Every structure is written in C-alpha cells, then in structure tokens.
Amino acid sequence: MNRAVLLNILIMKTKQCNELPVIMAACDEVYFRRHALGFCKSAISSGHDVLIVVSPIPGPDVQTRAKALADRLFPRFRKKFNDEELRSLKLICVHDERASQAFEGRA
C-alpha cells in the first residue's frame, strides 16, 4: 500500500472516530444559559466531542415543553459556533414521561 493511500485512510479514521472521550453534560435551562457556551467552547477547543442534554422542569405537558425549550434555546446557541465546531457538538432536549408529575413542595 502506498504512503498516500495509507495517509488518507489514517486521516479518514481520525475524522470518523475521535480518540478523546465524548464529554456529556445534562442540565436544566438555567444552567444551560449560564454555563453551556463556555463549557462547550472549552471542550471542543481541547478536541473533544460534546453532548449536552437539556431537560425541562418536571410537570404536566413535559413533552410539549421539551420541544418548545429546544426551539427556544438551540438555534441561537448554535449560531455561536463555526461549522467545524458544530460537527463536534450535539444538543438534545429530552422529555421523560416519568417527569410529567410536578415536584411536591417546589415553587
């Protein structure tokens, strides 16, 4: 196998599978707004892929609120990253039906 082919295979493998661990964080909307940008920029600049999971506050209609939360937060947040950084970033907003009940005694 010639060196050029071997180098291309090595580059393709490196681009497909980052050797550094994926950094994952789960948070609510408040923590996301305060810390996600710095957290993501730092991790991505260090070469990591990043997965951020945002959850709505538990309570009724959690599925609808999760979608609304993602629609409200993510488009503006993604604009703060260039195309290369965006390839290393995954944002999801989860809803778990177990969270459809509000917490007792919370404001």
N, C-alpha and C. Protein backbone atom coordinates (compact mmCIF):
# COMPACT_ATOMS: atom_id res chain seq x y z
N MET A 1 0.86 -1.17 0.00
CA MET A 1 0.00 0.00 0.00
C MET A 1 0.91 1.23 0.00
N ASN A 2 0.61 2.19 -0.91
CA ASN A 2 1.50 3.35 -0.94
C ASN A 2 1.17 4.31 0.19
N ARG A 3 2.12 5.20 0.47
CA ARG A 3 2.00 6.09 1.63
C ARG A 3 0.81 7.04 1.53
N ALA A 4 0.51 7.53 0.32
CA ALA A 4 -0.61 8.47 0.16
C ALA A 4 -1.94 7.80 0.53
N VAL A 5 -2.13 6.56 0.09
CA VAL A 5 -3.36 5.84 0.42
C VAL A 5 -3.43 5.58 1.92
N LEU A 6 -2.32 5.17 2.50
CA LEU A 6 -2.27 4.91 3.94
C LEU A 6 -2.58 6.19 4.73
N LEU A 7 -2.03 7.31 4.29
CA LEU A 7 -2.27 8.58 4.96
C LEU A 7 -3.75 8.97 4.86
N ASN A 8 -4.35 8.79 3.68
CA ASN A 8 -5.77 9.10 3.52
C ASN A 8 -6.64 8.23 4.42
N ILE A 9 -6.31 6.97 4.55
CA ILE A 9 -7.07 6.07 5.43
C ILE A 9 -6.92 6.53 6.87
N LEU A 10 -5.73 6.90 7.27
CA LEU A 10 -5.48 7.36 8.63
C LEU A 10 -6.26 8.65 8.92
N ILE A 11 -6.25 9.58 7.98
CA ILE A 11 -6.99 10.83 8.16
C ILE A 11 -8.49 10.56 8.25
N MET A 12 -9.01 9.70 7.38
CA MET A 12 -10.44 9.37 7.42
C MET A 12 -10.81 8.73 8.75
N LYS A 13 -9.97 7.83 9.24
CA LYS A 13 -10.27 7.17 10.52
C LYS A 13 -10.27 8.20 11.65
N THR A 14 -9.31 9.11 11.63
CA THR A 14 -9.24 10.12 12.67
C THR A 14 -10.48 11.02 12.65
N LYS A 15 -10.95 11.39 11.47
CA LYS A 15 -12.12 12.26 11.38
C LYS A 15 -13.39 11.54 11.80
N GLN A 16 -13.45 10.23 11.62
CA GLN A 16 -14.66 9.48 11.94
C GLN A 16 -14.74 9.11 13.41
N CYS A 17 -13.61 8.95 14.04
CA CYS A 17 -13.61 8.45 15.41
C CYS A 17 -12.61 9.25 16.24
N ASN A 18 -13.10 10.20 16.99
CA ASN A 18 -12.25 11.00 17.85
C ASN A 18 -11.71 10.10 18.96
N GLU A 19 -10.40 10.15 19.16
CA GLU A 19 -9.80 9.29 20.18
C GLU A 19 -10.05 9.80 21.59
N LEU A 20 -10.38 11.08 21.72
CA LEU A 20 -10.69 11.63 23.03
C LEU A 20 -12.12 11.26 23.42
N PRO A 21 -12.39 11.12 24.70
CA PRO A 21 -13.75 10.76 25.11
C PRO A 21 -14.75 11.87 24.79
N VAL A 22 -15.98 11.46 24.56
CA VAL A 22 -17.08 12.42 24.40
C VAL A 22 -17.38 12.98 25.78
N ILE A 23 -17.54 14.28 25.85
CA ILE A 23 -17.90 14.91 27.11
C ILE A 23 -19.40 15.15 27.08
N MET A 24 -20.08 14.66 28.11
CA MET A 24 -21.53 14.79 28.18
C MET A 24 -21.91 15.58 29.43
N ALA A 25 -22.88 16.45 29.27
CA ALA A 25 -23.41 17.17 30.42
C ALA A 25 -24.93 17.20 30.31
N ALA A 26 -25.58 17.08 31.44
CA ALA A 26 -27.04 17.17 31.49
C ALA A 26 -27.39 18.31 32.44
N CYS A 27 -28.37 19.12 32.04
CA CYS A 27 -28.69 20.29 32.86
C CYS A 27 -30.11 20.77 32.58
N ASP A 28 -30.52 21.75 33.37
CA ASP A 28 -31.79 22.42 33.11
C ASP A 28 -31.52 23.69 32.31
N GLU A 29 -32.58 24.41 31.99
CA GLU A 29 -32.45 25.61 31.15
C GLU A 29 -31.58 26.68 31.80
N VAL A 30 -31.73 26.90 33.08
CA VAL A 30 -30.97 27.95 33.77
C VAL A 30 -29.48 27.66 33.70
N TYR A 31 -29.09 26.45 34.03
CA TYR A 31 -27.67 26.09 33.99
C TYR A 31 -27.14 26.15 32.56
N PHE A 32 -27.95 25.72 31.59
CA PHE A 32 -27.54 25.79 30.19
C PHE A 32 -27.24 27.23 29.80
N ARG A 33 -28.14 28.13 30.12
CA ARG A 33 -27.94 29.54 29.75
C ARG A 33 -26.69 30.13 30.40
N ARG A 34 -26.40 29.74 31.62
CA ARG A 34 -25.26 30.31 32.34
C ARG A 34 -23.92 29.70 31.93
N HIS A 35 -23.89 28.41 31.65
CA HIS A 35 -22.60 27.74 31.54
C HIS A 35 -22.32 26.99 30.24
N ALA A 36 -23.32 26.72 29.44
CA ALA A 36 -23.11 25.83 28.29
C ALA A 36 -22.13 26.38 27.26
N LEU A 37 -22.18 27.67 26.97
CA LEU A 37 -21.31 28.21 25.93
C LEU A 37 -19.84 28.04 26.31
N GLY A 38 -19.46 28.46 27.49
CA GLY A 38 -18.07 28.32 27.92
C GLY A 38 -17.64 26.87 28.01
N PHE A 39 -18.53 26.04 28.54
CA PHE A 39 -18.25 24.61 28.67
C PHE A 39 -17.99 23.98 27.31
N CYS A 40 -18.88 24.24 26.36
CA CYS A 40 -18.76 23.65 25.02
C CYS A 40 -17.54 24.17 24.28
N LYS A 41 -17.34 25.47 24.31
CA LYS A 41 -16.18 26.06 23.62
C LYS A 41 -14.88 25.48 24.17
N SER A 42 -14.78 25.36 25.48
CA SER A 42 -13.58 24.81 26.10
C SER A 42 -13.34 23.36 25.70
N ALA A 43 -14.37 22.55 25.79
CA ALA A 43 -14.24 21.13 25.47
C ALA A 43 -13.91 20.92 23.99
N ILE A 44 -14.59 21.64 23.11
CA ILE A 44 -14.36 21.50 21.68
C ILE A 44 -12.96 21.98 21.31
N SER A 45 -12.52 23.08 21.91
CA SER A 45 -11.17 23.59 21.59
C SER A 45 -10.09 22.63 22.09
N SER A 46 -10.42 21.77 23.04
CA SER A 46 -9.49 20.75 23.52
C SER A 46 -9.55 19.48 22.69
N GLY A 47 -10.43 19.45 21.69
CA GLY A 47 -10.51 18.31 20.79
C GLY A 47 -11.60 17.30 21.09
N HIS A 48 -12.42 17.57 22.08
CA HIS A 48 -13.48 16.64 22.45
C HIS A 48 -14.75 16.87 21.64
N ASP A 49 -15.53 15.81 21.46
CA ASP A 49 -16.90 15.94 21.00
C ASP A 49 -17.75 16.17 22.25
N VAL A 50 -18.84 16.92 22.10
CA VAL A 50 -19.65 17.30 23.25
C VAL A 50 -21.12 16.96 23.01
N LEU A 51 -21.74 16.38 24.02
CA LEU A 51 -23.18 16.11 24.02
C LEU A 51 -23.79 16.83 25.21
N ILE A 52 -24.73 17.72 24.94
CA ILE A 52 -25.43 18.43 26.01
C ILE A 52 -26.89 18.00 25.99
N VAL A 53 -27.38 17.58 27.14
CA VAL A 53 -28.77 17.16 27.29
C VAL A 53 -29.46 18.16 28.21
N VAL A 54 -30.49 18.80 27.70
CA VAL A 54 -31.24 19.77 28.50
C VAL A 54 -32.62 19.19 28.79
N SER A 55 -33.04 19.30 30.03
CA SER A 55 -34.35 18.77 30.45
C SER A 55 -35.23 19.90 30.94
N PRO A 56 -36.49 19.88 30.56
CA PRO A 56 -37.42 20.87 31.12
C PRO A 56 -37.73 20.53 32.58
N ILE A 57 -38.23 21.51 33.29
CA ILE A 57 -38.64 21.28 34.68
C ILE A 57 -39.78 20.26 34.67
N PRO A 58 -39.73 19.26 35.55
CA PRO A 58 -40.81 18.27 35.59
C PRO A 58 -42.16 18.92 35.85
N GLY A 59 -43.17 18.36 35.25
CA GLY A 59 -44.54 18.85 35.43
C GLY A 59 -45.40 18.44 34.26
N PRO A 60 -46.65 18.83 34.27
CA PRO A 60 -47.57 18.46 33.20
C PRO A 60 -47.09 18.94 31.83
N ASP A 61 -47.44 18.18 30.79
CA ASP A 61 -47.16 18.55 29.40
C ASP A 61 -45.66 18.66 29.12
N VAL A 62 -44.88 17.77 29.72
CA VAL A 62 -43.42 17.84 29.61
C VAL A 62 -42.94 17.66 28.17
N GLN A 63 -43.61 16.84 27.38
CA GLN A 63 -43.18 16.61 26.00
C GLN A 63 -43.29 17.90 25.17
N THR A 64 -44.38 18.60 25.28
CA THR A 64 -44.56 19.85 24.55
C THR A 64 -43.57 20.90 25.03
N ARG A 65 -43.37 20.97 26.33
CA ARG A 65 -42.43 21.95 26.88
C ARG A 65 -40.99 21.64 26.48
N ALA A 66 -40.64 20.37 26.34
CA ALA A 66 -39.29 19.99 25.90
C ALA A 66 -39.05 20.48 24.47
N LYS A 67 -40.02 20.30 23.61
CA LYS A 67 -39.87 20.77 22.22
C LYS A 67 -39.76 22.29 22.18
N ALA A 68 -40.60 22.97 22.93
CA ALA A 68 -40.56 24.43 22.97
C ALA A 68 -39.23 24.93 23.52
N LEU A 69 -38.70 24.23 24.51
CA LEU A 69 -37.41 24.59 25.09
C LEU A 69 -36.29 24.46 24.06
N ALA A 70 -36.27 23.36 23.33
CA ALA A 70 -35.26 23.15 22.29
C ALA A 70 -35.39 24.22 21.20
N ASP A 71 -36.60 24.51 20.79
CA ASP A 71 -36.82 25.53 19.75
C ASP A 71 -36.37 26.91 20.21
N ARG A 72 -36.51 27.18 21.48
CA ARG A 72 -36.15 28.48 22.03
C ARG A 72 -34.64 28.61 22.27
N LEU A 73 -33.98 27.55 22.73
CA LEU A 73 -32.58 27.63 23.12
C LEU A 73 -31.58 27.33 22.00
N PHE A 74 -31.82 26.28 21.25
CA PHE A 74 -30.76 25.73 20.41
C PHE A 74 -30.41 26.54 19.16
N PRO A 75 -31.36 27.09 18.41
CA PRO A 75 -30.96 27.81 17.19
C PRO A 75 -30.01 28.98 17.48
N ARG A 76 -30.32 29.79 18.46
CA ARG A 76 -29.47 30.92 18.82
C ARG A 76 -28.11 30.44 19.35
N PHE A 77 -28.13 29.37 20.12
CA PHE A 77 -26.89 28.84 20.69
C PHE A 77 -25.96 28.33 19.59
N ARG A 78 -26.51 27.62 18.61
CA ARG A 78 -25.69 27.08 17.51
C ARG A 78 -25.02 28.16 16.69
N LYS A 79 -25.61 29.34 16.62
CA LYS A 79 -25.03 30.45 15.85
C LYS A 79 -23.70 30.93 16.42
N LYS A 80 -23.40 30.54 17.64
CA LYS A 80 -22.16 30.98 18.30
C LYS A 80 -20.98 30.07 17.98
N PHE A 81 -21.21 29.08 17.10
CA PHE A 81 -20.18 28.11 16.73
C PHE A 81 -19.98 28.13 15.22
N ASN A 82 -18.73 27.90 14.80
CA ASN A 82 -18.47 27.78 13.36
C ASN A 82 -18.80 26.35 12.92
N ASP A 83 -18.75 26.12 11.60
CA ASP A 83 -19.14 24.81 11.06
C ASP A 83 -18.29 23.67 11.62
N GLU A 84 -17.00 23.91 11.78
CA GLU A 84 -16.12 22.87 12.31
C GLU A 84 -16.49 22.52 13.75
N GLU A 85 -16.76 23.53 14.56
CA GLU A 85 -17.16 23.30 15.95
C GLU A 85 -18.50 22.56 16.02
N LEU A 86 -19.41 22.93 15.13
CA LEU A 86 -20.74 22.29 15.15
C LEU A 86 -20.67 20.80 14.86
N ARG A 87 -19.65 20.36 14.12
CA ARG A 87 -19.51 18.92 13.86
C ARG A 87 -19.17 18.16 15.14
N SER A 88 -18.67 18.86 16.14
CA SER A 88 -18.31 18.22 17.41
C SER A 88 -19.36 18.43 18.50
N LEU A 89 -20.48 19.03 18.15
CA LEU A 89 -21.48 19.40 19.14
C LEU A 89 -22.82 18.75 18.84
N LYS A 90 -23.40 18.15 19.87
CA LYS A 90 -24.74 17.56 19.76
C LYS A 90 -25.56 18.11 20.92
N LEU A 91 -26.72 18.68 20.61
CA LEU A 91 -27.62 19.22 21.62
C LEU A 91 -28.94 18.49 21.53
N ILE A 92 -29.44 18.02 22.66
CA ILE A 92 -30.76 17.39 22.67
C ILE A 92 -31.54 17.86 23.89
N CYS A 93 -32.83 17.90 23.73
CA CYS A 93 -33.73 18.24 24.82
C CYS A 93 -34.60 17.01 25.04
N VAL A 94 -34.54 16.45 26.22
CA VAL A 94 -35.25 15.20 26.47
C VAL A 94 -36.51 15.43 27.28
N HIS A 95 -37.43 14.56 27.05
CA HIS A 95 -38.63 14.52 27.88
C HIS A 95 -38.83 13.07 28.30
N ASP A 96 -39.08 12.90 29.53
CA ASP A 96 -39.31 11.58 30.08
C ASP A 96 -40.69 11.61 30.72
N GLU A 97 -41.53 10.72 30.28
CA GLU A 97 -42.91 10.72 30.80
C GLU A 97 -42.95 10.56 32.32
N ARG A 98 -41.90 9.99 32.90
CA ARG A 98 -41.85 9.89 34.36
C ARG A 98 -41.75 11.26 35.00
N ALA A 99 -41.37 12.27 34.19
CA ALA A 99 -41.24 13.64 34.72
C ALA A 99 -42.50 14.46 34.48
N SER A 100 -43.59 13.81 34.20
CA SER A 100 -44.82 14.56 33.92
C SER A 100 -45.51 15.03 35.20
N GLN A 101 -45.09 14.52 36.33
CA GLN A 101 -45.63 14.96 37.61
C GLN A 101 -44.73 16.05 38.17
N ALA A 102 -45.32 17.13 38.65
CA ALA A 102 -44.54 18.21 39.26
C ALA A 102 -43.94 17.73 40.57
N PHE A 103 -42.80 18.31 40.93
CA PHE A 103 -42.21 18.02 42.24
C PHE A 103 -43.10 18.60 43.32
N GLU A 104 -43.24 17.89 44.41
CA GLU A 104 -44.03 18.37 45.53
C GLU A 104 -43.24 19.40 46.32
N GLY A 105 -43.90 20.46 46.76
CA GLY A 105 -43.28 21.44 47.63
C GLY A 105 -42.24 22.32 46.97
N ARG A 106 -42.29 22.46 45.63
CA ARG A 106 -41.34 23.33 44.93
C ARG A 106 -42.09 24.47 44.29
N ALA A 107 -41.44 25.60 44.23
CA ALA A 107 -42.05 26.78 43.61
C ALA A 107 -41.96 26.71 42.11
